[in-house]
Amino acid sequence: MIDDGTGLFTIGRLARATGLSVRTIRYWSDAGVLHPVTRSEGGYRLYDAASVARLELIRTLRELGLGLDDVRRVVEGETTVAEVAVTHVAALDAQIRALKLTRAVLSTVARRGSTAEEMTLMNKLARLSAAERTRIIDDFMEETFGGLDTADPDIRTRMRFSVADLPDDPTPEQVDAWVELAELLQDPGFRARMRRTIEFNAADRGPEVPPGTSLWFMSRLVQLAAQAREQGIAPESPRAEEVLGPLLGNADRAAVLERMESAAHAEMARFRELTALVRGTEPLPAHAEEFAWVVAALRARLAG
């Protein structure tokens, strides 16, 4: 305190009372968050006991990471600590997500031994905003299903659910999978193949066919092929037709083969693997052996 009986503090005494530096207190005063109550005859700033309490609040808010503008609004009563805290928590959450994403990208780069070009692409794709990532997914869905109103709606729903966005706290493996998935979803060749598959589906369905029929058909086909393989029935044997005939009926075998081949390409299997990795779930069974058996059986029937 100064020795005039007023109980006021010079900035030096205030610094010693609070453990803060004179430079810091002067900076906060200049920034308008700690106002002196008056000045001495020599022009020095003077503070009172309330200034000490205010200074402690300022220090606490600053240690919590609040900017000087938010600190000023709190100490001036323009907002509450709780209101500022809510905003600050949201900002911190965004920073934490960004840091976690950076860590995941760097971990992936280190594990893969990526080149500078690969790292740049990976970082760019991983750091797309949620809206930009959603746009990539929506564009893919529109190009695959757009205008095909008779396509099985259950297939559209399942595919849209499977194409998950990158989570807020991704693992390096999820970043790796999302980057590859984003590239695949934007690849014109893959989009064309997926479109062709859905065109086949739309051509097979009339308005009276209930949703889910296509998924049931594929599930039943896989089941029959699995049973045939367990029984040792070769796809080129006459017994293969006995397995498939009741399900396929009088359908054109060449058309069925074309549809099966469009749905069983390797990129489709990789698509399923990547979407499961991004979601953090186990991939659905690919049933590659069963599909291969059906394709071989159909080819044998057509060749014969």
Protein backbone atom coordinates (compact mmCIF):
# COMPACT_ATOMS: atom_id res chain seq x y z
CA MET A 1 0.00 0.00 0.00
CA ILE A 2 0.99 3.57 -0.31
CA ASP A 3 1.63 5.47 2.91
CA ASP A 4 -1.11 8.11 2.63
CA GLY A 5 -3.71 6.15 4.58
CA THR A 6 -5.93 5.52 1.56
CA GLY A 7 -5.35 1.75 1.50
CA LEU A 8 -4.50 1.91 -2.19
CA PHE A 9 -1.90 -0.23 -3.94
CA THR A 10 0.72 0.87 -6.36
CA ILE A 11 1.24 -1.50 -9.27
CA GLY A 12 4.46 -2.71 -7.64
CA ARG A 13 2.73 -3.49 -4.35
CA LEU A 14 -0.11 -5.17 -6.26
CA ALA A 15 2.41 -7.34 -8.05
CA ARG A 16 4.00 -8.43 -4.78
CA ALA A 17 0.59 -9.13 -3.22
CA THR A 18 -0.55 -11.36 -6.06
CA GLY A 19 2.72 -12.90 -7.28
CA LEU A 20 2.18 -11.54 -10.77
CA SER A 21 4.74 -9.46 -12.61
CA VAL A 22 4.40 -5.69 -12.95
CA ARG A 23 4.61 -6.15 -16.70
CA THR A 24 1.63 -8.54 -16.74
CA ILE A 25 -0.54 -6.29 -14.55
CA ARG A 26 0.33 -3.26 -16.67
CA TYR A 27 -0.52 -5.22 -19.85
CA TRP A 28 -3.91 -6.26 -18.47
CA SER A 29 -4.56 -2.68 -17.39
CA ASP A 30 -3.67 -1.38 -20.85
CA ALA A 31 -6.00 -4.03 -22.34
CA GLY A 32 -8.89 -2.65 -20.26
CA VAL A 33 -9.53 -5.69 -18.06
CA LEU A 34 -8.11 -4.20 -14.84
CA HIS A 35 -8.86 -0.53 -14.35
CA PRO A 36 -6.96 1.52 -11.73
CA VAL A 37 -9.27 3.22 -9.27
CA THR A 38 -7.29 6.44 -9.50
CA ARG A 39 -3.81 7.80 -10.13
CA SER A 40 -1.31 9.36 -7.78
CA GLU A 41 -0.17 12.96 -8.08
CA GLY A 42 2.80 11.63 -10.01
CA GLY A 43 0.49 9.87 -12.48
CA TYR A 44 1.04 6.30 -11.20
CA ARG A 45 -1.85 3.86 -11.31
CA LEU A 46 -3.41 2.98 -7.97
CA TYR A 47 -5.58 -0.03 -7.10
CA ASP A 48 -7.76 -1.01 -4.14
CA ALA A 49 -8.62 -4.28 -2.38
CA ALA A 50 -11.35 -4.99 -4.93
CA SER A 51 -8.69 -4.78 -7.63
CA VAL A 52 -6.83 -7.61 -5.91
CA ALA A 53 -9.92 -9.85 -6.07
CA ARG A 54 -10.54 -8.82 -9.67
CA LEU A 55 -6.94 -9.58 -10.53
CA GLU A 56 -7.27 -13.09 -9.07
CA LEU A 57 -10.34 -13.68 -11.23
CA ILE A 58 -8.52 -12.41 -14.31
CA ARG A 59 -5.58 -14.68 -13.61
CA THR A 60 -7.87 -17.72 -13.18
CA LEU A 61 -9.74 -17.01 -16.41
CA ARG A 62 -6.50 -16.51 -18.31
CA GLU A 63 -5.05 -19.75 -16.92
CA LEU A 64 -8.16 -21.50 -18.21
CA GLY A 65 -7.33 -20.16 -21.67
CA LEU A 66 -9.92 -17.42 -22.10
CA GLY A 67 -9.01 -14.52 -24.34
CA LEU A 68 -8.76 -11.00 -22.99
CA ASP A 69 -11.99 -9.93 -24.68
CA ASP A 70 -13.94 -12.70 -22.92
CA VAL A 71 -12.18 -11.87 -19.65
CA ARG A 72 -13.14 -8.20 -19.99
CA ARG A 73 -16.78 -9.11 -20.66
CA VAL A 74 -16.87 -11.28 -17.54
CA VAL A 75 -15.27 -8.77 -15.19
CA GLU A 76 -17.42 -5.95 -16.60
CA GLY A 77 -20.57 -8.02 -15.98
CA GLU A 78 -21.53 -8.17 -19.66
CA THR A 79 -21.67 -11.97 -19.46
CA THR A 80 -21.30 -14.68 -16.86
CA VAL A 81 -18.46 -17.08 -16.27
CA ALA A 82 -20.86 -19.94 -17.03
CA GLU A 83 -21.86 -18.48 -20.41
CA VAL A 84 -18.25 -17.91 -21.40
CA ALA A 85 -17.35 -21.39 -20.17
CA VAL A 86 -19.94 -22.98 -22.47
CA THR A 87 -18.48 -21.19 -25.48
CA HIS A 88 -14.94 -21.97 -24.43
CA VAL A 89 -15.71 -25.66 -23.92
CA ALA A 90 -17.05 -25.83 -27.49
CA ALA A 91 -13.89 -24.16 -28.79
CA LEU A 92 -11.70 -26.51 -26.77
CA ASP A 93 -13.65 -29.51 -28.08
CA ALA A 94 -12.97 -28.35 -31.63
CA GLN A 95 -9.27 -27.93 -30.85
CA ILE A 96 -9.12 -31.36 -29.24
CA ARG A 97 -10.77 -32.96 -32.28
CA ALA A 98 -8.29 -31.20 -34.56
CA LEU A 99 -5.36 -32.38 -32.45
CA LYS A 100 -6.64 -35.94 -32.39
CA LEU A 101 -7.05 -35.86 -36.15
CA THR A 102 -3.52 -34.52 -36.56
CA ARG A 103 -2.19 -37.28 -34.34
CA ALA A 104 -4.09 -39.93 -36.27
CA VAL A 105 -2.83 -38.63 -39.62
CA LEU A 106 0.78 -38.49 -38.41
CA SER A 107 0.50 -41.99 -36.93
CA THR A 108 -0.77 -43.28 -40.26
CA VAL A 109 2.02 -41.51 -42.14
CA ALA A 110 4.61 -42.98 -39.79
CA ARG A 111 3.17 -46.48 -40.04
CA ARG A 112 2.85 -46.45 -43.82
CA GLY A 113 6.09 -44.62 -44.51
CA SER A 114 4.13 -42.22 -46.71
CA THR A 115 5.78 -39.87 -49.15
CA ALA A 116 5.31 -36.12 -48.87
CA GLU A 117 2.70 -36.25 -51.66
CA GLU A 118 0.75 -39.04 -49.98
CA MET A 119 0.89 -37.22 -46.66
CA THR A 120 -0.44 -34.03 -48.26
CA LEU A 121 -3.37 -35.87 -49.85
CA MET A 122 -4.10 -37.78 -46.64
CA ASN A 123 -4.09 -34.61 -44.57
CA LYS A 124 -6.29 -32.80 -47.09
CA LEU A 125 -8.91 -35.55 -47.21
CA ALA A 126 -8.90 -36.18 -43.47
CA ARG A 127 -9.29 -32.47 -42.67
CA LEU A 128 -12.31 -31.94 -44.89
CA SER A 129 -15.10 -30.39 -42.88
CA ALA A 130 -18.03 -32.57 -41.86
CA ALA A 131 -20.13 -30.80 -44.51
CA GLU A 132 -17.53 -31.49 -47.21
CA ARG A 133 -17.28 -35.15 -46.24
CA THR A 134 -21.07 -35.42 -46.29
CA ARG A 135 -21.11 -33.83 -49.75
CA ILE A 136 -18.75 -36.54 -51.08
CA ILE A 137 -21.06 -39.22 -49.69
CA ASP A 138 -24.22 -37.53 -50.97
CA ASP A 139 -22.73 -37.04 -54.44
CA PHE A 140 -21.82 -40.73 -54.56
CA MET A 141 -25.32 -41.77 -53.49
CA GLU A 142 -26.96 -39.47 -56.03
CA GLU A 143 -24.80 -40.72 -58.89
CA THR A 144 -25.46 -44.32 -57.88
CA PHE A 145 -29.23 -44.15 -57.25
CA GLY A 146 -30.42 -40.92 -58.89
CA GLY A 147 -33.44 -41.45 -61.15
CA LEU A 148 -33.66 -45.20 -60.43
CA ASP A 149 -36.95 -45.03 -58.57
CA THR A 150 -37.67 -48.76 -58.83
CA ALA A 151 -34.40 -49.79 -57.15
CA ASP A 152 -34.94 -51.61 -53.87
CA PRO A 153 -35.14 -48.84 -51.20
CA ASP A 154 -33.65 -51.18 -48.60
CA ILE A 155 -30.45 -51.33 -50.63
CA ARG A 156 -30.26 -47.53 -50.70
CA THR A 157 -30.86 -47.34 -46.93
CA ARG A 158 -28.26 -49.99 -46.13
CA MET A 159 -25.65 -48.39 -48.36
CA ARG A 160 -26.23 -44.90 -46.97
CA PHE A 161 -25.92 -46.23 -43.44
CA SER A 162 -22.76 -48.15 -44.27
CA VAL A 163 -20.96 -45.12 -45.74
CA ALA A 164 -20.09 -43.59 -42.38
CA ASP A 165 -18.39 -40.25 -41.78
CA LEU A 166 -15.02 -40.02 -40.07
CA PRO A 167 -15.59 -40.04 -36.27
CA ASP A 168 -14.52 -37.12 -34.09
CA ASP A 169 -11.81 -39.20 -32.40
CA PRO A 170 -10.50 -41.40 -35.21
CA THR A 171 -7.82 -44.03 -34.86
CA PRO A 172 -4.96 -44.02 -37.39
CA GLU A 173 -6.61 -47.05 -39.02
CA GLN A 174 -9.89 -45.15 -39.43
CA VAL A 175 -8.09 -42.18 -40.99
CA ASP A 176 -6.30 -44.55 -43.36
CA ALA A 177 -9.60 -46.22 -44.28
CA TRP A 178 -11.47 -42.92 -44.72
CA VAL A 179 -8.80 -41.54 -47.05
CA GLU A 180 -8.99 -44.64 -49.25
CA LEU A 181 -12.80 -44.66 -49.07
CA ALA A 182 -13.02 -40.97 -50.03
CA GLU A 183 -10.84 -41.63 -53.06
CA LEU A 184 -12.94 -44.66 -54.00
CA LEU A 185 -16.23 -42.78 -53.65
CA GLN A 186 -14.95 -40.10 -56.02
CA ASP A 187 -13.48 -42.53 -58.56
CA PRO A 188 -15.52 -42.35 -61.81
CA GLY A 189 -14.89 -46.01 -62.62
CA PHE A 190 -16.16 -47.22 -59.25
CA ARG A 191 -19.18 -44.94 -59.44
CA ALA A 192 -20.01 -46.30 -62.89
CA ARG A 193 -19.79 -49.91 -61.69
CA MET A 194 -21.98 -49.19 -58.68
CA ARG A 195 -24.47 -47.39 -60.89
CA ARG A 196 -24.60 -50.38 -63.24
CA THR A 197 -25.28 -52.71 -60.33
CA ILE A 198 -28.22 -50.61 -59.15
CA GLU A 199 -29.52 -50.31 -62.72
CA PHE A 200 -29.67 -54.11 -62.86
CA ASN A 201 -31.60 -54.12 -59.59
CA ALA A 202 -34.03 -51.44 -60.77
CA ALA A 203 -34.69 -53.30 -64.02
CA ASP A 204 -35.63 -56.47 -62.09
CA ARG A 205 -38.20 -54.85 -59.80
CA GLY A 206 -41.74 -53.77 -60.44
CA PRO A 207 -43.75 -51.40 -58.25
CA GLU A 208 -45.49 -54.36 -56.57
CA VAL A 209 -42.25 -55.95 -55.32
CA PRO A 210 -41.88 -55.27 -51.58
CA PRO A 211 -38.75 -53.57 -50.20
CA GLY A 212 -36.04 -55.95 -49.08
CA THR A 213 -36.79 -58.58 -51.71
CA SER A 214 -33.46 -58.05 -53.44
CA LEU A 215 -31.55 -58.47 -50.19
CA TRP A 216 -33.54 -61.60 -49.40
CA PHE A 217 -32.78 -63.02 -52.86
CA MET A 218 -29.03 -62.49 -52.46
CA SER A 219 -29.10 -63.94 -48.96
CA ARG A 220 -30.96 -67.02 -50.20
CA LEU A 221 -28.57 -67.40 -53.13
CA VAL A 222 -25.58 -67.32 -50.77
CA GLN A 223 -27.28 -69.84 -48.50
CA LEU A 224 -27.92 -72.26 -51.36
CA ALA A 225 -24.37 -71.93 -52.65
CA ALA A 226 -22.96 -72.56 -49.18
CA GLN A 227 -25.05 -75.71 -48.84
CA ALA A 228 -23.95 -76.90 -52.27
CA ARG A 229 -20.30 -76.39 -51.39
CA GLU A 230 -20.75 -78.27 -48.10
CA GLN A 231 -22.30 -81.17 -50.04
CA GLY A 232 -19.41 -81.18 -52.50
CA ILE A 233 -21.55 -80.23 -55.50
CA ALA A 234 -19.31 -78.90 -58.23
CA PRO A 235 -20.62 -75.77 -59.97
CA GLU A 236 -20.20 -77.37 -63.39
CA SER A 237 -22.16 -80.51 -62.44
CA PRO A 238 -25.82 -81.02 -63.43
CA ARG A 239 -26.76 -80.95 -59.75
CA ALA A 240 -25.83 -77.27 -59.62
CA GLU A 241 -28.87 -76.45 -61.74
CA GLU A 242 -31.01 -78.38 -59.27
CA VAL A 243 -29.66 -76.07 -56.54
CA LEU A 244 -30.22 -72.81 -58.39
CA GLY A 245 -33.24 -73.69 -60.53
CA PRO A 246 -36.00 -73.31 -57.91
CA LEU A 247 -34.73 -69.85 -56.93
CA LEU A 248 -33.95 -68.53 -60.42
CA GLY A 249 -37.04 -69.98 -62.08
CA ASN A 250 -37.26 -69.05 -65.76
CA ALA A 251 -34.95 -66.03 -65.44
CA ASP A 252 -32.47 -65.54 -68.26
CA ARG A 253 -29.27 -67.15 -66.95
CA ALA A 254 -27.06 -64.82 -69.00
CA ALA A 255 -28.75 -61.78 -67.46
CA VAL A 256 -28.43 -63.25 -63.97
CA LEU A 257 -24.73 -63.93 -64.59
CA GLU A 258 -24.17 -60.35 -65.72
CA ARG A 259 -25.85 -59.06 -62.59
CA MET A 260 -23.87 -61.39 -60.34
CA GLU A 261 -20.58 -60.33 -61.89
CA SER A 262 -21.46 -56.66 -61.48
CA ALA A 263 -22.15 -57.14 -57.77
CA ALA A 264 -19.15 -59.35 -57.03
CA HIS A 265 -16.27 -57.20 -58.28
CA ALA A 266 -13.24 -56.74 -56.02
CA GLU A 267 -13.82 -53.03 -55.47
CA MET A 268 -17.24 -53.73 -53.98
CA ALA A 269 -15.63 -56.06 -51.47
CA ARG A 270 -13.04 -53.42 -50.63
CA PHE A 271 -15.81 -50.83 -50.28
CA ARG A 272 -17.48 -53.00 -47.63
CA GLU A 273 -14.18 -53.46 -45.79
CA LEU A 274 -13.43 -49.73 -45.76
CA THR A 275 -16.89 -48.68 -44.58
CA ALA A 276 -16.66 -51.16 -41.70
CA LEU A 277 -13.21 -49.87 -40.74
CA VAL A 278 -14.42 -46.26 -40.68
CA ARG A 279 -17.41 -47.23 -38.53
CA GLY A 280 -15.18 -49.28 -36.24
CA THR A 281 -17.20 -52.47 -36.78
CA GLU A 282 -16.47 -55.88 -38.15
CA PRO A 283 -17.02 -56.06 -41.93
CA LEU A 284 -19.99 -58.04 -43.12
CA PRO A 285 -19.10 -61.40 -44.65
CA ALA A 286 -18.17 -61.02 -48.31
CA HIS A 287 -19.25 -64.58 -49.19
CA ALA A 288 -16.66 -64.55 -51.95
CA GLU A 289 -16.59 -68.36 -52.22
CA GLU A 290 -20.36 -68.59 -52.47
CA PHE A 291 -20.57 -65.86 -55.13
CA ALA A 292 -17.75 -67.54 -57.05
CA TRP A 293 -19.63 -70.85 -56.96
CA VAL A 294 -22.80 -69.24 -58.33
CA VAL A 295 -20.89 -67.43 -61.08
CA ALA A 296 -19.09 -70.63 -62.05
CA ALA A 297 -22.37 -72.57 -62.09
CA LEU A 298 -24.06 -70.00 -64.33
CA ARG A 299 -21.08 -69.91 -66.69
CA ALA A 300 -21.14 -73.71 -66.92
CA ARG A 301 -24.85 -73.71 -67.78
CA LEU A 302 -24.31 -71.11 -70.51
CA ALA A 303 -21.24 -72.89 -71.91
CA GLY A 304 -23.09 -76.18 -72.04
